Amino acid sequence: MNLPEFCIRRPIAALMFNLGLALIGVVALSRLPVRELPDIDPPIVSVTTIYPGANAELVEADVTEPLEQEINNIPGIKILRSESREQVSISPSSSS
């Protein structure tokens, strides 16, 4: 006796088998660990600015320091490092 023949001869048994299978599926689905919104934070944000013709002191005073003040106002910033070189300011920061 194959499955289609069994289902035709015993419809109540086939119905109970389907309901049992659906019940097992519902129980398994309720126990399945699923995170809808996992914590995905970009760990590092880097800001690079170019100030053509400026020396390192001028880049630090005009670009790096104001940029550091604005970045420090962002919630969640843990570490802020800045580097001022001739014509370039680099500010990588790590968030929580």
PDB file of N, CA and C in Angstrom:
ATOM      1  N   MET A   1       0.845  -1.163   0.000  1.00  0.00           N
ATOM      2  CA  MET A   1       0.000   0.000   0.000  1.00  0.00           C
ATOM      3  C   MET A   1       0.903   1.243   0.000  1.00  0.00           C
ATOM      4  N   ASN A   2       0.712   2.119  -0.994  1.00  0.00           N
ATOM      5  CA  ASN A   2       1.501   3.339  -1.060  1.00  0.00           C
ATOM      6  C   ASN A   2       0.742   4.491  -0.410  1.00  0.00           C
ATOM      7  N   LEU A   3       1.371   5.641  -0.306  1.00  0.00           N
ATOM      8  CA  LEU A   3       0.809   6.779   0.422  1.00  0.00           C
ATOM      9  C   LEU A   3      -0.501   7.284  -0.181  1.00  0.00           C
ATOM     10  N   PRO A   4      -0.623   7.481  -1.489  1.00  0.00           N
ATOM     11  CA  PRO A   4      -1.913   7.955  -2.018  1.00  0.00           C
ATOM     12  C   PRO A   4      -3.058   6.961  -1.754  1.00  0.00           C
ATOM     13  N   GLU A   5      -2.759   5.694  -1.894  1.00  0.00           N
ATOM     14  CA  GLU A   5      -3.791   4.694  -1.642  1.00  0.00           C
ATOM     15  C   GLU A   5      -4.203   4.701  -0.162  1.00  0.00           C
ATOM     16  N   PHE A   6      -3.224   4.851   0.751  1.00  0.00           N
ATOM     17  CA  PHE A   6      -3.515   4.919   2.176  1.00  0.00           C
ATOM     18  C   PHE A   6      -4.384   6.128   2.487  1.00  0.00           C
ATOM     19  N   CYS A   7      -4.087   7.275   1.883  1.00  0.00           N
ATOM     20  CA  CYS A   7      -4.854   8.498   2.142  1.00  0.00           C
ATOM     21  C   CYS A   7      -6.276   8.392   1.600  1.00  0.00           C
ATOM     22  N   ILE A   8      -6.455   7.671   0.503  1.00  0.00           N
ATOM     23  CA  ILE A   8      -7.802   7.502  -0.046  1.00  0.00           C
ATOM     24  C   ILE A   8      -8.611   6.547   0.822  1.00  0.00           C
ATOM     25  N   ARG A   9      -7.980   5.471   1.262  1.00  0.00           N
ATOM     26  CA  ARG A   9      -8.697   4.472   2.067  1.00  0.00           C
ATOM     27  C   ARG A   9      -8.964   4.954   3.499  1.00  0.00           C
ATOM     28  N   ARG A  10      -8.067   5.752   4.052  1.00  0.00           N
ATOM     29  CA  ARG A  10      -8.214   6.207   5.443  1.00  0.00           C
ATOM     30  C   ARG A  10      -8.072   7.738   5.499  1.00  0.00           C
ATOM     31  N   PRO A  11      -9.106   8.466   5.139  1.00  0.00           N
ATOM     32  CA  PRO A  11      -9.007   9.926   5.109  1.00  0.00           C
ATOM     33  C   PRO A  11      -8.829  10.550   6.496  1.00  0.00           C
ATOM     34  N   ILE A  12      -9.407   9.949   7.524  1.00  0.00           N
ATOM     35  CA  ILE A  12      -9.253  10.492   8.867  1.00  0.00           C
ATOM     36  C   ILE A  12      -7.801  10.343   9.329  1.00  0.00           C
ATOM     37  N   ALA A  13      -7.174   9.225   9.046  1.00  0.00           N
ATOM     38  CA  ALA A  13      -5.780   9.014   9.414  1.00  0.00           C
ATOM     39  C   ALA A  13      -4.879  10.002   8.666  1.00  0.00           C
ATOM     40  N   ALA A  14      -5.172  10.227   7.385  1.00  0.00           N
ATOM     41  CA  ALA A  14      -4.384  11.185   6.595  1.00  0.00           C
ATOM     42  C   ALA A  14      -4.548  12.601   7.152  1.00  0.00           C
ATOM     43  N   LEU A  15      -5.787  12.946   7.556  1.00  0.00           N
ATOM     44  CA  LEU A  15      -6.034  14.255   8.140  1.00  0.00           C
ATOM     45  C   LEU A  15      -5.279  14.405   9.451  1.00  0.00           C
ATOM     46  N   MET A  16      -5.308  13.390  10.300  1.00  0.00           N
ATOM     47  CA  MET A  16      -4.579  13.443  11.573  1.00  0.00           C
ATOM     48  C   MET A  16      -3.073  13.536  11.348  1.00  0.00           C
ATOM     49  N   PHE A  17      -2.571  12.821  10.334  1.00  0.00           N
ATOM     50  CA  PHE A  17      -1.152  12.898  10.007  1.00  0.00           C
ATOM     51  C   PHE A  17      -0.777  14.322   9.595  1.00  0.00           C
ATOM     52  N   ASN A  18      -1.583  14.961   8.760  1.00  0.00           N
ATOM     53  CA  ASN A  18      -1.322  16.341   8.323  1.00  0.00           C
ATOM     54  C   ASN A  18      -1.414  17.325   9.484  1.00  0.00           C
ATOM     55  N   LEU A  19      -2.409  17.156  10.362  1.00  0.00           N
ATOM     56  CA  LEU A  19      -2.523  18.041  11.519  1.00  0.00           C
ATOM     57  C   LEU A  19      -1.338  17.867  12.472  1.00  0.00           C
ATOM     58  N   GLY A  20      -0.900  16.623  12.669  1.00  0.00           N
ATOM     59  CA  GLY A  20       0.273  16.379  13.508  1.00  0.00           C
ATOM     60  C   GLY A  20       1.519  17.010  12.927  1.00  0.00           C
ATOM     61  N   LEU A  21       1.672  16.896  11.610  1.00  0.00           N
ATOM     62  CA  LEU A  21       2.824  17.510  10.943  1.00  0.00           C
ATOM     63  C   LEU A  21       2.783  19.035  11.063  1.00  0.00           C
ATOM     64  N   ALA A  22       1.602  19.628  10.918  1.00  0.00           N
ATOM     65  CA  ALA A  22       1.459  21.077  11.066  1.00  0.00           C
ATOM     66  C   ALA A  22       1.753  21.503  12.504  1.00  0.00           C
ATOM     67  N   LEU A  23       1.296  20.714  13.483  1.00  0.00           N
ATOM     68  CA  LEU A  23       1.553  21.022  14.885  1.00  0.00           C
ATOM     69  C   LEU A  23       3.046  20.977  15.197  1.00  0.00           C
ATOM     70  N   ILE A  24       3.741  19.979  14.667  1.00  0.00           N
ATOM     71  CA  ILE A  24       5.192  19.892  14.849  1.00  0.00           C
ATOM     72  C   ILE A  24       5.873  21.119  14.230  1.00  0.00           C
ATOM     73  N   GLY A  25       5.394  21.545  13.075  1.00  0.00           N
ATOM     74  CA  GLY A  25       5.955  22.730  12.424  1.00  0.00           C
ATOM     75  C   GLY A  25       5.747  23.999  13.231  1.00  0.00           C
ATOM     76  N   VAL A  26       4.564  24.163  13.813  1.00  0.00           N
ATOM     77  CA  VAL A  26       4.277  25.349  14.624  1.00  0.00           C
ATOM     78  C   VAL A  26       5.139  25.362  15.883  1.00  0.00           C
ATOM     79  N   VAL A  27       5.284  24.210  16.527  1.00  0.00           N
ATOM     80  CA  VAL A  27       6.126  24.129  17.726  1.00  0.00           C
ATOM     81  C   VAL A  27       7.580  24.423  17.370  1.00  0.00           C
ATOM     82  N   ALA A  28       8.060  23.862  16.268  1.00  0.00           N
ATOM     83  CA  ALA A  28       9.443  24.107  15.858  1.00  0.00           C
ATOM     84  C   ALA A  28       9.653  25.576  15.502  1.00  0.00           C
ATOM     85  N   LEU A  29       8.670  26.187  14.853  1.00  0.00           N
ATOM     86  CA  LEU A  29       8.789  27.599  14.481  1.00  0.00           C
ATOM     87  C   LEU A  29       8.827  28.502  15.709  1.00  0.00           C
ATOM     88  N   SER A  30       8.050  28.160  16.728  1.00  0.00           N
ATOM     89  CA  SER A  30       8.044  28.998  17.929  1.00  0.00           C
ATOM     90  C   SER A  30       9.345  28.875  18.722  1.00  0.00           C
ATOM     91  N   ARG A  31      10.046  27.786  18.564  1.00  0.00           N
ATOM     92  CA  ARG A  31      11.311  27.594  19.290  1.00  0.00           C
ATOM     93  C   ARG A  31      12.535  28.005  18.476  1.00  0.00           C
ATOM     94  N   LEU A  32      12.318  28.441  17.259  1.00  0.00           N
ATOM     95  CA  LEU A  32      13.416  28.829  16.382  1.00  0.00           C
ATOM     96  C   LEU A  32      13.941  30.199  16.788  1.00  0.00           C
ATOM     97  N   PRO A  33      15.234  30.301  17.145  1.00  0.00           N
ATOM     98  CA  PRO A  33      15.767  31.611  17.539  1.00  0.00           C
ATOM     99  C   PRO A  33      16.065  32.466  16.302  1.00  0.00           C
ATOM    100  N   VAL A  34      15.324  33.542  16.159  1.00  0.00           N
ATOM    101  CA  VAL A  34      15.509  34.451  15.030  1.00  0.00           C
ATOM    102  C   VAL A  34      15.608  35.868  15.569  1.00  0.00           C
ATOM    103  N   ARG A  35      16.630  36.576  15.119  1.00  0.00           N
ATOM    104  CA  ARG A  35      16.776  37.979  15.502  1.00  0.00           C
ATOM    105  C   ARG A  35      16.305  38.826  14.343  1.00  0.00           C
ATOM    106  N   GLU A  36      15.301  39.624  14.598  1.00  0.00           N
ATOM    107  CA  GLU A  36      14.769  40.472  13.537  1.00  0.00           C
ATOM    108  C   GLU A  36      15.726  41.600  13.187  1.00  0.00           C
ATOM    109  N   LEU A  37      16.286  42.237  14.190  1.00  0.00           N
ATOM    110  CA  LEU A  37      17.208  43.345  13.964  1.00  0.00           C
ATOM    111  C   LEU A  37      18.503  43.080  14.736  1.00  0.00           C
ATOM    112  N   PRO A  38      19.434  42.366  14.141  1.00  0.00           N
ATOM    113  CA  PRO A  38      20.686  42.098  14.848  1.00  0.00           C
ATOM    114  C   PRO A  38      21.492  43.381  15.038  1.00  0.00           C
ATOM    115  N   ASP A  39      22.327  43.395  16.072  1.00  0.00           N
ATOM    116  CA  ASP A  39      23.170  44.555  16.341  1.00  0.00           C
ATOM    117  C   ASP A  39      24.323  44.592  15.350  1.00  0.00           C
ATOM    118  N   ILE A  40      24.201  45.466  14.393  1.00  0.00           N
ATOM    119  CA  ILE A  40      25.258  45.625  13.405  1.00  0.00           C
ATOM    120  C   ILE A  40      25.677  47.090  13.449  1.00  0.00           C
ATOM    121  N   ASP A  41      26.797  47.345  14.060  1.00  0.00           N
ATOM    122  CA  ASP A  41      27.326  48.699  14.153  1.00  0.00           C
ATOM    123  C   ASP A  41      28.629  48.770  13.380  1.00  0.00           C
ATOM    124  N   PRO A  42      28.765  49.748  12.536  1.00  0.00           N
ATOM    125  CA  PRO A  42      30.059  49.906  11.888  1.00  0.00           C
ATOM    126  C   PRO A  42      31.106  50.261  12.944  1.00  0.00           C
ATOM    127  N   PRO A  43      32.169  49.478  13.059  1.00  0.00           N
ATOM    128  CA  PRO A  43      33.116  49.694  14.141  1.00  0.00           C
ATOM    129  C   PRO A  43      33.998  50.931  13.976  1.00  0.00           C
ATOM    130  N   ILE A  44      34.262  51.344  12.747  1.00  0.00           N
ATOM    131  CA  ILE A  44      35.185  52.460  12.541  1.00  0.00           C
ATOM    132  C   ILE A  44      34.629  53.386  11.466  1.00  0.00           C
ATOM    133  N   VAL A  45      34.689  54.663  11.758  1.00  0.00           N
ATOM    134  CA  VAL A  45      34.333  55.689  10.790  1.00  0.00           C
ATOM    135  C   VAL A  45      35.570  56.560  10.610  1.00  0.00           C
ATOM    136  N   SER A  46      35.939  56.805   9.370  1.00  0.00           N
ATOM    137  CA  SER A  46      37.134  57.596   9.107  1.00  0.00           C
ATOM    138  C   SER A  46      36.765  58.807   8.255  1.00  0.00           C
ATOM    139  N   VAL A  47      37.232  59.974   8.695  1.00  0.00           N
ATOM    140  CA  VAL A  47      37.000  61.221   7.963  1.00  0.00           C
ATOM    141  C   VAL A  47      38.355  61.757   7.526  1.00  0.00           C
ATOM    142  N   THR A  48      38.514  61.944   6.232  1.00  0.00           N
ATOM    143  CA  THR A  48      39.760  62.481   5.684  1.00  0.00           C
ATOM    144  C   THR A  48      39.432  63.787   4.959  1.00  0.00           C
ATOM    145  N   THR A  49      40.147  64.830   5.317  1.00  0.00           N
ATOM    146  CA  THR A  49      39.948  66.123   4.656  1.00  0.00           C
ATOM    147  C   THR A  49      41.266  66.596   4.060  1.00  0.00           C
ATOM    148  N   ILE A  50      41.152  67.288   2.964  1.00  0.00           N
ATOM    149  CA  ILE A  50      42.342  67.804   2.267  1.00  0.00           C
ATOM    150  C   ILE A  50      42.253  69.321   2.221  1.00  0.00           C
ATOM    151  N   TYR A  51      43.333  69.958   2.650  1.00  0.00           N
ATOM    152  CA  TYR A  51      43.417  71.416   2.663  1.00  0.00           C
ATOM    153  C   TYR A  51      44.670  71.777   1.872  1.00  0.00           C
ATOM    154  N   PRO A  52      44.550  71.991   0.565  1.00  0.00           N
ATOM    155  CA  PRO A  52      45.719  72.215  -0.282  1.00  0.00           C
ATOM    156  C   PRO A  52      46.521  73.453   0.140  1.00  0.00           C
ATOM    157  N   GLY A  53      47.816  73.286   0.207  1.00  0.00           N
ATOM    158  CA  GLY A  53      48.726  74.381   0.489  1.00  0.00           C
ATOM    159  C   GLY A  53      48.890  74.712   1.961  1.00  0.00           C
ATOM    160  N   ALA A  54      48.255  73.999   2.873  1.00  0.00           N
ATOM    161  CA  ALA A  54      48.338  74.315   4.307  1.00  0.00           C
ATOM    162  C   ALA A  54      49.367  73.422   4.981  1.00  0.00           C
ATOM    163  N   ASN A  55      50.052  73.993   5.970  1.00  0.00           N
ATOM    164  CA  ASN A  55      50.998  73.181   6.737  1.00  0.00           C
ATOM    165  C   ASN A  55      50.236  72.434   7.835  1.00  0.00           C
ATOM    166  N   ALA A  56      50.916  71.574   8.575  1.00  0.00           N
ATOM    167  CA  ALA A  56      50.271  70.715   9.569  1.00  0.00           C
ATOM    168  C   ALA A  56      49.601  71.525  10.683  1.00  0.00           C
ATOM    169  N   GLU A  57      50.220  72.623  11.134  1.00  0.00           N
ATOM    170  CA  GLU A  57      49.641  73.418  12.208  1.00  0.00           C
ATOM    171  C   GLU A  57      48.342  74.093  11.763  1.00  0.00           C
ATOM    172  N   LEU A  58      48.323  74.590  10.549  1.00  0.00           N
ATOM    173  CA  LEU A  58      47.131  75.236  10.025  1.00  0.00           C
ATOM    174  C   LEU A  58      45.998  74.223   9.820  1.00  0.00           C
ATOM    175  N   VAL A  59      46.345  73.039   9.324  1.00  0.00           N
ATOM    176  CA  VAL A  59      45.345  71.981   9.150  1.00  0.00           C
ATOM    177  C   VAL A  59      44.753  71.599  10.501  1.00  0.00           C
ATOM    178  N   GLU A  60      45.608  71.494  11.522  1.00  0.00           N
ATOM    179  CA  GLU A  60      45.112  71.134  12.854  1.00  0.00           C
ATOM    180  C   GLU A  60      44.185  72.208  13.406  1.00  0.00           C
ATOM    181  N   ALA A  61      44.557  73.471  13.284  1.00  0.00           N
ATOM    182  CA  ALA A  61      43.769  74.556  13.860  1.00  0.00           C
ATOM    183  C   ALA A  61      42.459  74.785  13.095  1.00  0.00           C
ATOM    184  N   ASP A  62      42.507  74.755  11.771  1.00  0.00           N
ATOM    185  CA  ASP A  62      41.338  75.107  10.972  1.00  0.00           C
ATOM    186  C   ASP A  62      40.427  73.926  10.636  1.00  0.00           C
ATOM    187  N   VAL A  63      40.970  72.717  10.617  1.00  0.00           N
ATOM    188  CA  VAL A  63      40.177  71.567  10.179  1.00  0.00           C
ATOM    189  C   VAL A  63      40.014  70.520  11.278  1.00  0.00           C
ATOM    190  N   THR A  64      41.126  70.035  11.814  1.00  0.00           N
ATOM    191  CA  THR A  64      41.081  68.895  12.724  1.00  0.00           C
ATOM    192  C   THR A  64      40.354  69.207  14.027  1.00  0.00           C
ATOM    193  N   GLU A  65      40.680  70.316  14.674  1.00  0.00           N
ATOM    194  CA  GLU A  65      40.052  70.634  15.962  1.00  0.00           C
ATOM    195  C   GLU A  65      38.541  70.875  15.834  1.00  0.00           C
ATOM    196  N   PRO A  66      38.051  71.675  14.867  1.00  0.00           N
ATOM    197  CA  PRO A  66      36.587  71.802  14.721  1.00  0.00           C
ATOM    198  C   PRO A  66      35.914  70.469  14.372  1.00  0.00           C
ATOM    199  N   LEU A  67      36.593  69.665  13.573  1.00  0.00           N
ATOM    200  CA  LEU A  67      36.052  68.360  13.213  1.00  0.00           C
ATOM    201  C   LEU A  67      35.961  67.441  14.429  1.00  0.00           C
ATOM    202  N   GLU A  68      36.976  67.454  15.279  1.00  0.00           N
ATOM    203  CA  GLU A  68      36.952  66.661  16.514  1.00  0.00           C
ATOM    204  C   GLU A  68      35.799  67.087  17.417  1.00  0.00           C
ATOM    205  N   GLN A  69      35.572  68.388  17.537  1.00  0.00           N
ATOM    206  CA  GLN A  69      34.481  68.870  18.382  1.00  0.00           C
ATOM    207  C   GLN A  69      33.129  68.387  17.872  1.00  0.00           C
ATOM    208  N   GLU A  70      32.932  68.403  16.570  1.00  0.00           N
ATOM    209  CA  GLU A  70      31.661  67.950  16.002  1.00  0.00           C
ATOM    210  C   GLU A  70      31.498  66.430  16.125  1.00  0.00           C
ATOM    211  N   ILE A  71      32.571  65.694  15.904  1.00  0.00           N
ATOM    212  CA  ILE A  71      32.492  64.235  16.006  1.00  0.00           C
ATOM    213  C   ILE A  71      32.253  63.808  17.443  1.00  0.00           C
ATOM    214  N   ASN A  72      32.835  64.500  18.417  1.00  0.00           N
ATOM    215  CA  ASN A  72      32.621  64.159  19.824  1.00  0.00           C
ATOM    216  C   ASN A  72      31.183  64.390  20.272  1.00  0.00           C
ATOM    217  N   ASN A  73      30.410  65.205  19.559  1.00  0.00           N
ATOM    218  CA  ASN A  73      29.003  65.427  19.890  1.00  0.00           C
ATOM    219  C   ASN A  73      28.106  64.282  19.441  1.00  0.00           C
ATOM    220  N   ILE A  74      28.609  63.369  18.627  1.00  0.00           N
ATOM    221  CA  ILE A  74      27.821  62.234  18.148  1.00  0.00           C
ATOM    222  C   ILE A  74      27.757  61.185  19.256  1.00  0.00           C
ATOM    223  N   PRO A  75      26.556  60.733  19.648  1.00  0.00           N
ATOM    224  CA  PRO A  75      26.461  59.717  20.699  1.00  0.00           C
ATOM    225  C   PRO A  75      27.001  58.370  20.212  1.00  0.00           C
ATOM    226  N   GLY A  76      27.675  57.678  21.107  1.00  0.00           N
ATOM    227  CA  GLY A  76      28.180  56.340  20.790  1.00  0.00           C
ATOM    228  C   GLY A  76      29.631  56.294  20.377  1.00  0.00           C
ATOM    229  N   ILE A  77      30.280  57.426  20.236  1.00  0.00           N
ATOM    230  CA  ILE A  77      31.694  57.441  19.865  1.00  0.00           C
ATOM    231  C   ILE A  77      32.517  57.107  21.103  1.00  0.00           C
ATOM    232  N   LYS A  78      33.316  56.057  20.995  1.00  0.00           N
ATOM    233  CA  LYS A  78      34.143  55.655  22.130  1.00  0.00           C
ATOM    234  C   LYS A  78      35.563  56.202  22.022  1.00  0.00           C
ATOM    235  N   ILE A  79      36.160  56.061  20.861  1.00  0.00           N
ATOM    236  CA  ILE A  79      37.567  56.448  20.681  1.00  0.00           C
ATOM    237  C   ILE A  79      37.651  57.390  19.479  1.00  0.00           C
ATOM    238  N   LEU A  80      38.382  58.469  19.655  1.00  0.00           N
ATOM    239  CA  LEU A  80      38.604  59.412  18.554  1.00  0.00           C
ATOM    240  C   LEU A  80      40.088  59.718  18.485  1.00  0.00           C
ATOM    241  N   ARG A  81      40.669  59.441  17.347  1.00  0.00           N
ATOM    242  CA  ARG A  81      42.079  59.772  17.107  1.00  0.00           C
ATOM    243  C   ARG A  81      42.141  60.672  15.884  1.00  0.00           C
ATOM    244  N   SER A  82      43.000  61.634  15.929  1.00  0.00           N
ATOM    245  CA  SER A  82      43.151  62.536  14.793  1.00  0.00           C
ATOM    246  C   SER A  82      44.616  62.670  14.440  1.00  0.00           C
ATOM    247  N   GLU A  83      44.832  62.891  13.175  1.00  0.00           N
ATOM    248  CA  GLU A  83      46.200  63.069  12.693  1.00  0.00           C
ATOM    249  C   GLU A  83      46.197  64.225  11.704  1.00  0.00           C
ATOM    250  N   SER A  84      47.052  65.193  11.941  1.00  0.00           N
ATOM    251  CA  SER A  84      47.160  66.342  11.049  1.00  0.00           C
ATOM    252  C   SER A  84      48.534  66.314  10.401  1.00  0.00           C
ATOM    253  N   ARG A  85      48.518  66.298   9.099  1.00  0.00           N
ATOM    254  CA  ARG A  85      49.768  66.354   8.327  1.00  0.00           C
ATOM    255  C   ARG A  85      49.664  67.514   7.346  1.00  0.00           C
ATOM    256  N   GLU A  86      50.715  67.717   6.631  1.00  0.00           N
ATOM    257  CA  GLU A  86      50.698  68.791   5.641  1.00  0.00           C
ATOM    258  C   GLU A  86      49.618  68.512   4.601  1.00  0.00           C
ATOM    259  N   GLN A  87      48.633  69.394   4.496  1.00  0.00           N
ATOM    260  CA  GLN A  87      47.527  69.375   3.556  1.00  0.00           C
ATOM    261  C   GLN A  87      46.457  68.316   3.848  1.00  0.00           C
ATOM    262  N   VAL A  88      46.607  67.475   4.891  1.00  0.00           N
ATOM    263  CA  VAL A  88      45.660  66.385   5.135  1.00  0.00           C
ATOM    264  C   VAL A  88      45.334  66.275   6.619  1.00  0.00           C
ATOM    265  N   SER A  89      44.064  65.998   6.916  1.00  0.00           N
ATOM    266  CA  SER A  89      43.610  65.699   8.276  1.00  0.00           C
ATOM    267  C   SER A  89      42.860  64.376   8.228  1.00  0.00           C
ATOM    268  N   ILE A  90      43.222  63.435   9.114  1.00  0.00           N
ATOM    269  CA  ILE A  90      42.571  62.125   9.162  1.00  0.00           C
ATOM    270  C   ILE A  90      42.025  61.938  10.571  1.00  0.00           C
ATOM    271  N   SER A  91      40.737  61.577  10.676  1.00  0.00           N
ATOM    272  CA  SER A  91      40.101  61.383  11.974  1.00  0.00           C
ATOM    273  C   SER A  91      39.346  60.058  11.994  1.00  0.00           C
ATOM    274  N   PRO A  92      40.013  58.943  12.314  1.00  0.00           N
ATOM    275  CA  PRO A  92      39.258  57.693  12.473  1.00  0.00           C
ATOM    276  C   PRO A  92      38.685  57.624  13.884  1.00  0.00           C
ATOM    277  N   SER A  93      37.443  57.143  14.013  1.00  0.00           N
ATOM    278  CA  SER A  93      36.814  57.003  15.327  1.00  0.00           C
ATOM    279  C   SER A  93      36.101  55.664  15.409  1.00  0.00           C
ATOM    280  N   SER A  94      36.045  55.115  16.616  1.00  0.00           N
ATOM    281  CA  SER A  94      35.374  53.837  16.852  1.00  0.00           C
ATOM    282  C   SER A  94      34.071  54.105  17.575  1.00  0.00           C
ATOM    283  N   SER A  95      33.012  53.451  17.107  1.00  0.00           N
ATOM    284  CA  SER A  95      31.711  53.613  17.755  1.00  0.00           C
ATOM    285  C   SER A  95      31.413  52.414  18.617  1.00  0.00           C
ATOM    286  N   SER A  96      30.370  52.556  19.440  1.00  0.00           N
ATOM    287  CA  SER A  96      29.987  51.468  20.347  1.00  0.00           C
ATOM    288  C   SER A  96      29.243  50.388  19.623  1.00  0.00           C
TER     289      SER A  96
END
